């Protein structure tokens, strides 16, 4: 994260997609497809990563919350986790 701070990045998008597969989708045939997973199944893991990134950057870089947001409540959870903006 020191590189992002040193370069004075305008912002970061955190966890738009993931290659890991949460247990909630492990039985779905789509889980076997290679590539990035997006949508609701990654919300919890995405939000956890987002909180960690907010702590690492000390709130000095605007963070764009994304990853599995499907309601206003979930968008607000990203904001409470440190998001400056939320992608829907």
PDB file of N, CA and C in Angstrom:
ATOM      1  N   UNK A   1       0.811  -1.182   0.000  1.00  0.00           N
ATOM      2  CA  UNK A   1       0.000   0.000   0.000  1.00  0.00           C
ATOM      3  C   UNK A   1       0.862   1.256   0.000  1.00  0.00           C
ATOM      4  N   UNK A   2       2.076   1.133   0.441  1.00  0.00           N
ATOM      5  CA  UNK A   2       2.956   2.297   0.431  1.00  0.00           C
ATOM      6  C   UNK A   2       3.135   2.828  -0.983  1.00  0.00           C
ATOM      7  N   UNK A   3       3.147   1.948  -1.972  1.00  0.00           N
ATOM      8  CA  UNK A   3       3.296   2.379  -3.363  1.00  0.00           C
ATOM      9  C   UNK A   3       2.098   3.226  -3.768  1.00  0.00           C
ATOM     10  N   UNK A   4       0.895   2.780  -3.446  1.00  0.00           N
ATOM     11  CA  UNK A   4      -0.318   3.533  -3.785  1.00  0.00           C
ATOM     12  C   UNK A   4      -0.299   4.905  -3.121  1.00  0.00           C
ATOM     13  N   UNK A   5       0.142   4.962  -1.884  1.00  0.00           N
ATOM     14  CA  UNK A   5       0.223   6.254  -1.187  1.00  0.00           C
ATOM     15  C   UNK A   5       1.318   7.125  -1.790  1.00  0.00           C
ATOM     16  N   UNK A   6       2.471   6.539  -2.088  1.00  0.00           N
ATOM     17  CA  UNK A   6       3.585   7.297  -2.651  1.00  0.00           C
ATOM     18  C   UNK A   6       3.238   7.859  -4.026  1.00  0.00           C
ATOM     19  N   UNK A   7       2.475   7.095  -4.808  1.00  0.00           N
ATOM     20  CA  UNK A   7       2.093   7.543  -6.148  1.00  0.00           C
ATOM     21  C   UNK A   7       0.902   8.501  -6.128  1.00  0.00           C
ATOM     22  N   UNK A   8       0.342   8.689  -4.954  1.00  0.00           N
ATOM     23  CA  UNK A   8      -0.816   9.585  -4.778  1.00  0.00           C
ATOM     24  C   UNK A   8      -1.937   9.233  -5.765  1.00  0.00           C
ATOM     25  N   UNK A   9      -2.304   7.968  -5.767  1.00  0.00           N
ATOM     26  CA  UNK A   9      -3.377   7.512  -6.644  1.00  0.00           C
ATOM     27  C   UNK A   9      -4.669   8.252  -6.331  1.00  0.00           C
ATOM     28  N   UNK A  10      -5.480   8.448  -7.349  1.00  0.00           N
ATOM     29  CA  UNK A  10      -6.752   9.148  -7.170  1.00  0.00           C
ATOM     30  C   UNK A  10      -7.789   8.283  -6.472  1.00  0.00           C
ATOM     31  N   UNK A  11      -7.651   6.972  -6.546  1.00  0.00           N
ATOM     32  CA  UNK A  11      -8.605   6.081  -5.901  1.00  0.00           C
ATOM     33  C   UNK A  11      -8.320   4.638  -6.246  1.00  0.00           C
ATOM     34  N   UNK A  12      -8.974   3.742  -5.529  1.00  0.00           N
ATOM     35  CA  UNK A  12      -8.800   2.311  -5.754  1.00  0.00           C
ATOM     36  C   UNK A  12     -10.167   1.636  -5.795  1.00  0.00           C
ATOM     37  N   UNK A  13     -10.334   0.727  -6.742  1.00  0.00           N
ATOM     38  CA  UNK A  13     -11.502  -0.138  -6.775  1.00  0.00           C
ATOM     39  C   UNK A  13     -11.072  -1.447  -6.126  1.00  0.00           C
ATOM     40  N   UNK A  14     -11.803  -1.862  -5.115  1.00  0.00           N
ATOM     41  CA  UNK A  14     -11.418  -3.045  -4.362  1.00  0.00           C
ATOM     42  C   UNK A  14     -12.387  -4.192  -4.649  1.00  0.00           C
ATOM     43  N   UNK A  15     -11.867  -5.282  -5.128  1.00  0.00           N
ATOM     44  CA  UNK A  15     -12.547  -6.573  -5.298  1.00  0.00           C
ATOM     45  C   UNK A  15     -13.815  -6.535  -6.144  1.00  0.00           C
ATOM     46  N   UNK A  16     -13.674  -6.092  -7.366  1.00  0.00           N
ATOM     47  CA  UNK A  16     -14.798  -6.131  -8.305  1.00  0.00           C
ATOM     48  C   UNK A  16     -15.133  -7.568  -8.690  1.00  0.00           C
ATOM     49  N   UNK A  17     -14.106  -8.405  -8.833  1.00  0.00           N
ATOM     50  CA  UNK A  17     -14.290  -9.839  -9.086  1.00  0.00           C
ATOM     51  C   UNK A  17     -13.243 -10.602  -8.282  1.00  0.00           C
ATOM     52  N   UNK A  18     -13.465 -11.910  -8.142  1.00  0.00           N
ATOM     53  CA  UNK A  18     -12.525 -12.754  -7.408  1.00  0.00           C
ATOM     54  C   UNK A  18     -12.366 -14.083  -8.129  1.00  0.00           C
ATOM     55  N   UNK A  19     -11.183 -14.652  -8.035  1.00  0.00           N
ATOM     56  CA  UNK A  19     -10.974 -15.974  -8.612  1.00  0.00           C
ATOM     57  C   UNK A  19     -11.257 -17.069  -7.588  1.00  0.00           C
ATOM     58  N   UNK A  20     -11.264 -16.729  -6.304  1.00  0.00           N
ATOM     59  CA  UNK A  20     -11.621 -17.723  -5.288  1.00  0.00           C
ATOM     60  C   UNK A  20     -13.130 -17.957  -5.310  1.00  0.00           C
ATOM     61  N   UNK A  21     -13.542 -19.067  -4.756  1.00  0.00           N
ATOM     62  CA  UNK A  21     -14.962 -19.429  -4.746  1.00  0.00           C
ATOM     63  C   UNK A  21     -15.438 -19.608  -3.307  1.00  0.00           C
ATOM     64  N   UNK A  22     -16.310 -18.705  -2.830  1.00  0.00           N
ATOM     65  CA  UNK A  22     -16.861 -18.870  -1.481  1.00  0.00           C
ATOM     66  C   UNK A  22     -17.635 -20.180  -1.371  1.00  0.00           C
ATOM     67  N   UNK A  23     -17.728 -20.724  -0.170  1.00  0.00           N
ATOM     68  CA  UNK A  23     -18.448 -21.976   0.047  1.00  0.00           C
ATOM     69  C   UNK A  23     -19.892 -21.904  -0.426  1.00  0.00           C
ATOM     70  N   UNK A  24     -20.486 -20.729  -0.387  1.00  0.00           N
ATOM     71  CA  UNK A  24     -21.893 -20.579  -0.768  1.00  0.00           C
ATOM     72  C   UNK A  24     -22.154 -20.936  -2.221  1.00  0.00           C
ATOM     73  N   UNK A  25     -21.120 -20.968  -3.063  1.00  0.00           N
ATOM     74  CA  UNK A  25     -21.322 -21.315  -4.474  1.00  0.00           C
ATOM     75  C   UNK A  25     -20.607 -22.600  -4.872  1.00  0.00           C
ATOM     76  N   UNK A  26     -19.991 -23.276  -3.921  1.00  0.00           N
ATOM     77  CA  UNK A  26     -19.177 -24.445  -4.255  1.00  0.00           C
ATOM     78  C   UNK A  26     -19.971 -25.569  -4.918  1.00  0.00           C
ATOM     79  N   UNK A  27     -21.258 -25.688  -4.624  1.00  0.00           N
ATOM     80  CA  UNK A  27     -22.060 -26.755  -5.228  1.00  0.00           C
ATOM     81  C   UNK A  27     -22.673 -26.343  -6.570  1.00  0.00           C
ATOM     82  N   UNK A  28     -22.538 -25.090  -6.944  1.00  0.00           N
ATOM     83  CA  UNK A  28     -23.089 -24.608  -8.203  1.00  0.00           C
ATOM     84  C   UNK A  28     -22.137 -24.974  -9.342  1.00  0.00           C
ATOM     85  N   UNK A  29     -22.651 -25.535 -10.445  1.00  0.00           N
ATOM     86  CA  UNK A  29     -21.781 -25.900 -11.578  1.00  0.00           C
ATOM     87  C   UNK A  29     -20.972 -24.720 -12.119  1.00  0.00           C
ATOM     88  N   UNK A  30     -21.475 -23.532 -11.967  1.00  0.00           N
ATOM     89  CA  UNK A  30     -20.765 -22.335 -12.444  1.00  0.00           C
ATOM     90  C   UNK A  30     -19.466 -22.129 -11.667  1.00  0.00           C
ATOM     91  N   UNK A  31     -19.400 -22.651 -10.444  1.00  0.00           N
ATOM     92  CA  UNK A  31     -18.196 -22.493  -9.628  1.00  0.00           C
ATOM     93  C   UNK A  31     -16.984 -23.139 -10.286  1.00  0.00           C
ATOM     94  N   UNK A  32     -17.203 -24.092 -11.177  1.00  0.00           N
ATOM     95  CA  UNK A  32     -16.103 -24.781 -11.849  1.00  0.00           C
ATOM     96  C   UNK A  32     -15.526 -23.977 -13.016  1.00  0.00           C
ATOM     97  N   UNK A  33     -16.225 -22.946 -13.448  1.00  0.00           N
ATOM     98  CA  UNK A  33     -15.773 -22.133 -14.574  1.00  0.00           C
ATOM     99  C   UNK A  33     -14.574 -21.299 -14.139  1.00  0.00           C
ATOM    100  N   UNK A  34     -13.567 -21.228 -14.992  1.00  0.00           N
ATOM    101  CA  UNK A  34     -12.396 -20.416 -14.664  1.00  0.00           C
ATOM    102  C   UNK A  34     -12.710 -18.946 -14.891  1.00  0.00           C
ATOM    103  N   UNK A  35     -11.962 -18.104 -14.218  1.00  0.00           N
ATOM    104  CA  UNK A  35     -12.142 -16.662 -14.373  1.00  0.00           C
ATOM    105  C   UNK A  35     -12.738 -16.043 -13.125  1.00  0.00           C
ATOM    106  N   UNK A  36     -12.988 -14.766 -13.205  1.00  0.00           N
ATOM    107  CA  UNK A  36     -13.462 -14.020 -12.057  1.00  0.00           C
ATOM    108  C   UNK A  36     -14.930 -14.228 -11.762  1.00  0.00           C
ATOM    109  N   UNK A  37     -15.234 -14.362 -10.489  1.00  0.00           N
ATOM    110  CA  UNK A  37     -16.599 -14.462 -10.008  1.00  0.00           C
ATOM    111  C   UNK A  37     -17.053 -13.074  -9.598  1.00  0.00           C
ATOM    112  N   UNK A  38     -18.282 -12.735  -9.936  1.00  0.00           N
ATOM    113  CA  UNK A  38     -18.814 -11.444  -9.515  1.00  0.00           C
ATOM    114  C   UNK A  38     -20.212 -11.647  -8.971  1.00  0.00           C
ATOM    115  N   UNK A  39     -20.782 -10.596  -8.441  1.00  0.00           N
ATOM    116  CA  UNK A  39     -22.142 -10.653  -7.942  1.00  0.00           C
ATOM    117  C   UNK A  39     -22.241 -10.966  -6.464  1.00  0.00           C
ATOM    118  N   UNK A  40     -23.454 -11.227  -6.035  1.00  0.00           N
ATOM    119  CA  UNK A  40     -23.792 -11.394  -4.631  1.00  0.00           C
ATOM    120  C   UNK A  40     -22.916 -12.386  -3.858  1.00  0.00           C
ATOM    121  N   UNK A  41     -22.512 -13.519  -4.437  1.00  0.00           N
ATOM    122  CA  UNK A  41     -21.722 -14.477  -3.651  1.00  0.00           C
ATOM    123  C   UNK A  41     -20.417 -13.911  -3.087  1.00  0.00           C
ATOM    124  N   UNK A  42     -19.899 -12.854  -3.657  1.00  0.00           N
ATOM    125  CA  UNK A  42     -18.625 -12.348  -3.148  1.00  0.00           C
ATOM    126  C   UNK A  42     -18.776 -11.154  -2.213  1.00  0.00           C
ATOM    127  N   UNK A  43     -19.995 -10.782  -1.848  1.00  0.00           N
ATOM    128  CA  UNK A  43     -20.191  -9.595  -1.017  1.00  0.00           C
ATOM    129  C   UNK A  43     -19.426  -9.654   0.298  1.00  0.00           C
ATOM    130  N   UNK A  44     -19.575 -10.732   1.064  1.00  0.00           N
ATOM    131  CA  UNK A  44     -18.934 -10.796   2.384  1.00  0.00           C
ATOM    132  C   UNK A  44     -17.413 -10.774   2.294  1.00  0.00           C
ATOM    133  N   UNK A  45     -16.852 -11.582   1.418  1.00  0.00           N
ATOM    134  CA  UNK A  45     -15.399 -11.603   1.270  1.00  0.00           C
ATOM    135  C   UNK A  45     -14.888 -10.266   0.735  1.00  0.00           C
ATOM    136  N   UNK A  46     -15.612  -9.694  -0.193  1.00  0.00           N
ATOM    137  CA  UNK A  46     -15.248  -8.399  -0.750  1.00  0.00           C
ATOM    138  C   UNK A  46     -15.246  -7.307   0.323  1.00  0.00           C
ATOM    139  N   UNK A  47     -16.262  -7.310   1.165  1.00  0.00           N
ATOM    140  CA  UNK A  47     -16.363  -6.289   2.212  1.00  0.00           C
ATOM    141  C   UNK A  47     -15.254  -6.453   3.235  1.00  0.00           C
ATOM    142  N   UNK A  48     -14.889  -7.692   3.543  1.00  0.00           N
ATOM    143  CA  UNK A  48     -13.770  -7.940   4.466  1.00  0.00           C
ATOM    144  C   UNK A  48     -12.477  -7.381   3.885  1.00  0.00           C
ATOM    145  N   UNK A  49     -12.225  -7.660   2.615  1.00  0.00           N
ATOM    146  CA  UNK A  49     -11.027  -7.137   1.955  1.00  0.00           C
ATOM    147  C   UNK A  49     -11.057  -5.608   1.926  1.00  0.00           C
ATOM    148  N   UNK A  50     -12.232  -5.061   1.718  1.00  0.00           N
ATOM    149  CA  UNK A  50     -12.388  -3.613   1.648  1.00  0.00           C
ATOM    150  C   UNK A  50     -12.010  -2.955   2.976  1.00  0.00           C
ATOM    151  N   UNK A  51     -12.493  -3.519   4.079  1.00  0.00           N
ATOM    152  CA  UNK A  51     -12.160  -2.974   5.400  1.00  0.00           C
ATOM    153  C   UNK A  51     -10.651  -3.005   5.634  1.00  0.00           C
ATOM    154  N   UNK A  52     -10.024  -4.114   5.235  1.00  0.00           N
ATOM    155  CA  UNK A  52      -8.577  -4.240   5.396  1.00  0.00           C
ATOM    156  C   UNK A  52      -7.837  -3.178   4.580  1.00  0.00           C
ATOM    157  N   UNK A  53      -8.299  -2.915   3.367  1.00  0.00           N
ATOM    158  CA  UNK A  53      -7.652  -1.915   2.524  1.00  0.00           C
ATOM    159  C   UNK A  53      -7.821  -0.512   3.101  1.00  0.00           C
ATOM    160  N   UNK A  54      -8.981  -0.242   3.677  1.00  0.00           N
ATOM    161  CA  UNK A  54      -9.210   1.060   4.308  1.00  0.00           C
ATOM    162  C   UNK A  54      -8.217   1.276   5.448  1.00  0.00           C
ATOM    163  N   UNK A  55      -8.009   0.233   6.239  1.00  0.00           N
ATOM    164  CA  UNK A  55      -7.056   0.323   7.347  1.00  0.00           C
ATOM    165  C   UNK A  55      -5.639   0.518   6.810  1.00  0.00           C
ATOM    166  N   UNK A  56      -5.263  -0.249   5.781  1.00  0.00           N
ATOM    167  CA  UNK A  56      -3.910  -0.146   5.216  1.00  0.00           C
ATOM    168  C   UNK A  56      -3.624   1.232   4.634  1.00  0.00           C
ATOM    169  N   UNK A  57      -4.620   1.863   4.034  1.00  0.00           N
ATOM    170  CA  UNK A  57      -4.416   3.184   3.428  1.00  0.00           C
ATOM    171  C   UNK A  57      -4.653   4.314   4.421  1.00  0.00           C
ATOM    172  N   UNK A  58      -5.149   3.989   5.596  1.00  0.00           N
ATOM    173  CA  UNK A  58      -5.415   5.013   6.594  1.00  0.00           C
ATOM    174  C   UNK A  58      -6.457   6.023   6.145  1.00  0.00           C
ATOM    175  N   UNK A  59      -7.294   5.634   5.214  1.00  0.00           N
ATOM    176  CA  UNK A  59      -8.324   6.544   4.714  1.00  0.00           C
ATOM    177  C   UNK A  59      -7.783   7.676   3.849  1.00  0.00           C
ATOM    178  N   UNK A  60      -6.541   7.555   3.392  1.00  0.00           N
ATOM    179  CA  UNK A  60      -5.900   8.625   2.620  1.00  0.00           C
ATOM    180  C   UNK A  60      -6.148   8.534   1.123  1.00  0.00           C
ATOM    181  N   UNK A  61      -6.691   7.407   0.662  1.00  0.00           N
ATOM    182  CA  UNK A  61      -6.985   7.223  -0.760  1.00  0.00           C
ATOM    183  C   UNK A  61      -8.475   6.916  -0.882  1.00  0.00           C
ATOM    184  N   UNK A  62      -9.196   7.624  -1.739  1.00  0.00           N
ATOM    185  CA  UNK A  62     -10.608   7.281  -1.934  1.00  0.00           C
ATOM    186  C   UNK A  62     -10.755   5.838  -2.410  1.00  0.00           C
ATOM    187  N   UNK A  63     -11.670   5.128  -1.789  1.00  0.00           N
ATOM    188  CA  UNK A  63     -11.926   3.734  -2.136  1.00  0.00           C
ATOM    189  C   UNK A  63     -13.318   3.609  -2.742  1.00  0.00           C
ATOM    190  N   UNK A  64     -13.403   2.848  -3.821  1.00  0.00           N
ATOM    191  CA  UNK A  64     -14.673   2.629  -4.497  1.00  0.00           C
ATOM    192  C   UNK A  64     -15.154   1.235  -4.108  1.00  0.00           C
ATOM    193  N   UNK A  65     -16.260   1.195  -3.381  1.00  0.00           N
ATOM    194  CA  UNK A  65     -16.816  -0.064  -2.919  1.00  0.00           C
ATOM    195  C   UNK A  65     -17.572  -0.752  -4.035  1.00  0.00           C
ATOM    196  N   UNK A  66     -17.276  -2.010  -4.255  1.00  0.00           N
ATOM    197  CA  UNK A  66     -17.978  -2.806  -5.256  1.00  0.00           C
ATOM    198  C   UNK A  66     -17.846  -4.261  -4.865  1.00  0.00           C
ATOM    199  N   UNK A  67     -18.523  -5.105  -5.595  1.00  0.00           N
ATOM    200  CA  UNK A  67     -18.436  -6.530  -5.331  1.00  0.00           C
ATOM    201  C   UNK A  67     -19.647  -7.062  -4.610  1.00  0.00           C
ATOM    202  N   UNK A  68     -20.640  -7.476  -5.374  1.00  0.00           N
ATOM    203  CA  UNK A  68     -21.796  -8.135  -4.808  1.00  0.00           C
ATOM    204  C   UNK A  68     -22.847  -7.238  -4.201  1.00  0.00           C
ATOM    205  N   UNK A  69     -22.797  -5.969  -4.455  1.00  0.00           N
ATOM    206  CA  UNK A  69     -23.782  -5.047  -3.880  1.00  0.00           C
ATOM    207  C   UNK A  69     -25.097  -5.192  -4.636  1.00  0.00           C
ATOM    208  N   UNK A  70     -26.161  -5.551  -3.904  1.00  0.00           N
ATOM    209  CA  UNK A  70     -27.453  -5.726  -4.566  1.00  0.00           C
ATOM    210  C   UNK A  70     -28.599  -5.035  -3.834  1.00  0.00           C
ATOM    211  N   UNK A  71     -28.247  -4.174  -2.867  1.00  0.00           N
ATOM    212  CA  UNK A  71     -29.290  -3.442  -2.151  1.00  0.00           C
ATOM    213  C   UNK A  71     -28.707  -2.159  -1.564  1.00  0.00           C
ATOM    214  N   UNK A  72     -29.574  -1.266  -1.183  1.00  0.00           N
ATOM    215  CA  UNK A  72     -29.131  -0.040  -0.528  1.00  0.00           C
ATOM    216  C   UNK A  72     -28.448  -0.326   0.791  1.00  0.00           C
ATOM    217  N   UNK A  73     -28.929  -1.330   1.499  1.00  0.00           N
ATOM    218  CA  UNK A  73     -28.321  -1.720   2.766  1.00  0.00           C
ATOM    219  C   UNK A  73     -26.880  -2.184   2.567  1.00  0.00           C
ATOM    220  N   UNK A  74     -26.655  -2.968   1.515  1.00  0.00           N
ATOM    221  CA  UNK A  74     -25.294  -3.446   1.234  1.00  0.00           C
ATOM    222  C   UNK A  74     -24.398  -2.298   0.777  1.00  0.00           C
ATOM    223  N   UNK A  75     -24.941  -1.365   0.009  1.00  0.00           N
ATOM    224  CA  UNK A  75     -24.164  -0.188  -0.386  1.00  0.00           C
ATOM    225  C   UNK A  75     -23.755   0.601   0.852  1.00  0.00           C
ATOM    226  N   UNK A  76     -24.685   0.738   1.786  1.00  0.00           N
ATOM    227  CA  UNK A  76     -24.382   1.462   3.016  1.00  0.00           C
ATOM    228  C   UNK A  76     -23.331   0.728   3.853  1.00  0.00           C
ATOM    229  N   UNK A  77     -23.350  -0.589   3.827  1.00  0.00           N
ATOM    230  CA  UNK A  77     -22.330  -1.344   4.547  1.00  0.00           C
ATOM    231  C   UNK A  77     -20.941  -1.058   3.971  1.00  0.00           C
ATOM    232  N   UNK A  78     -20.843  -0.933   2.648  1.00  0.00           N
ATOM    233  CA  UNK A  78     -19.558  -0.563   2.035  1.00  0.00           C
ATOM    234  C   UNK A  78     -19.131   0.829   2.495  1.00  0.00           C
ATOM    235  N   UNK A  79     -20.079   1.747   2.563  1.00  0.00           N
ATOM    236  CA  UNK A  79     -19.768   3.106   3.027  1.00  0.00           C
ATOM    237  C   UNK A  79     -19.284   3.062   4.471  1.00  0.00           C
ATOM    238  N   UNK A  80     -19.961   2.294   5.314  1.00  0.00           N
ATOM    239  CA  UNK A  80     -19.533   2.168   6.715  1.00  0.00           C
ATOM    240  C   UNK A  80     -18.163   1.513   6.830  1.00  0.00           C
ATOM    241  N   UNK A  81     -17.785   0.764   5.799  1.00  0.00           N
ATOM    242  CA  UNK A  81     -16.479   0.105   5.780  1.00  0.00           C
ATOM    243  C   UNK A  81     -15.379   1.013   5.240  1.00  0.00           C
ATOM    244  N   UNK A  82     -15.742   2.215   4.808  1.00  0.00           N
ATOM    245  CA  UNK A  82     -14.741   3.180   4.351  1.00  0.00           C
ATOM    246  C   UNK A  82     -14.863   3.640   2.910  1.00  0.00           C
ATOM    247  N   UNK A  83     -15.902   3.227   2.221  1.00  0.00           N
ATOM    248  CA  UNK A  83     -16.047   3.627   0.809  1.00  0.00           C
ATOM    249  C   UNK A  83     -16.345   5.113   0.677  1.00  0.00           C
ATOM    250  N   UNK A  84     -15.677   5.724  -0.285  1.00  0.00           N
ATOM    251  CA  UNK A  84     -15.973   7.094  -0.672  1.00  0.00           C
ATOM    252  C   UNK A  84     -17.088   7.093  -1.706  1.00  0.00           C
ATOM    253  N   UNK A  85     -17.049   6.104  -2.598  1.00  0.00           N
ATOM    254  CA  UNK A  85     -18.041   5.910  -3.642  1.00  0.00           C
ATOM    255  C   UNK A  85     -18.437   4.435  -3.654  1.00  0.00           C
ATOM    256  N   UNK A  86     -19.608   4.150  -4.230  1.00  0.00           N
ATOM    257  CA  UNK A  86     -20.068   2.763  -4.327  1.00  0.00           C
ATOM    258  C   UNK A  86     -20.505   2.500  -5.765  1.00  0.00           C
ATOM    259  N   UNK A  87     -20.021   1.399  -6.325  1.00  0.00           N
ATOM    260  CA  UNK A  87     -20.411   0.986  -7.680  1.00  0.00           C
ATOM    261  C   UNK A  87     -21.592   0.034  -7.552  1.00  0.00           C
ATOM    262  N   UNK A  88     -22.639   0.321  -8.315  1.00  0.00           N
ATOM    263  CA  UNK A  88     -23.821  -0.544  -8.282  1.00  0.00           C
ATOM    264  C   UNK A  88     -23.936  -1.315  -9.567  1.00  0.00           C
TER     265      UNK A  88
END
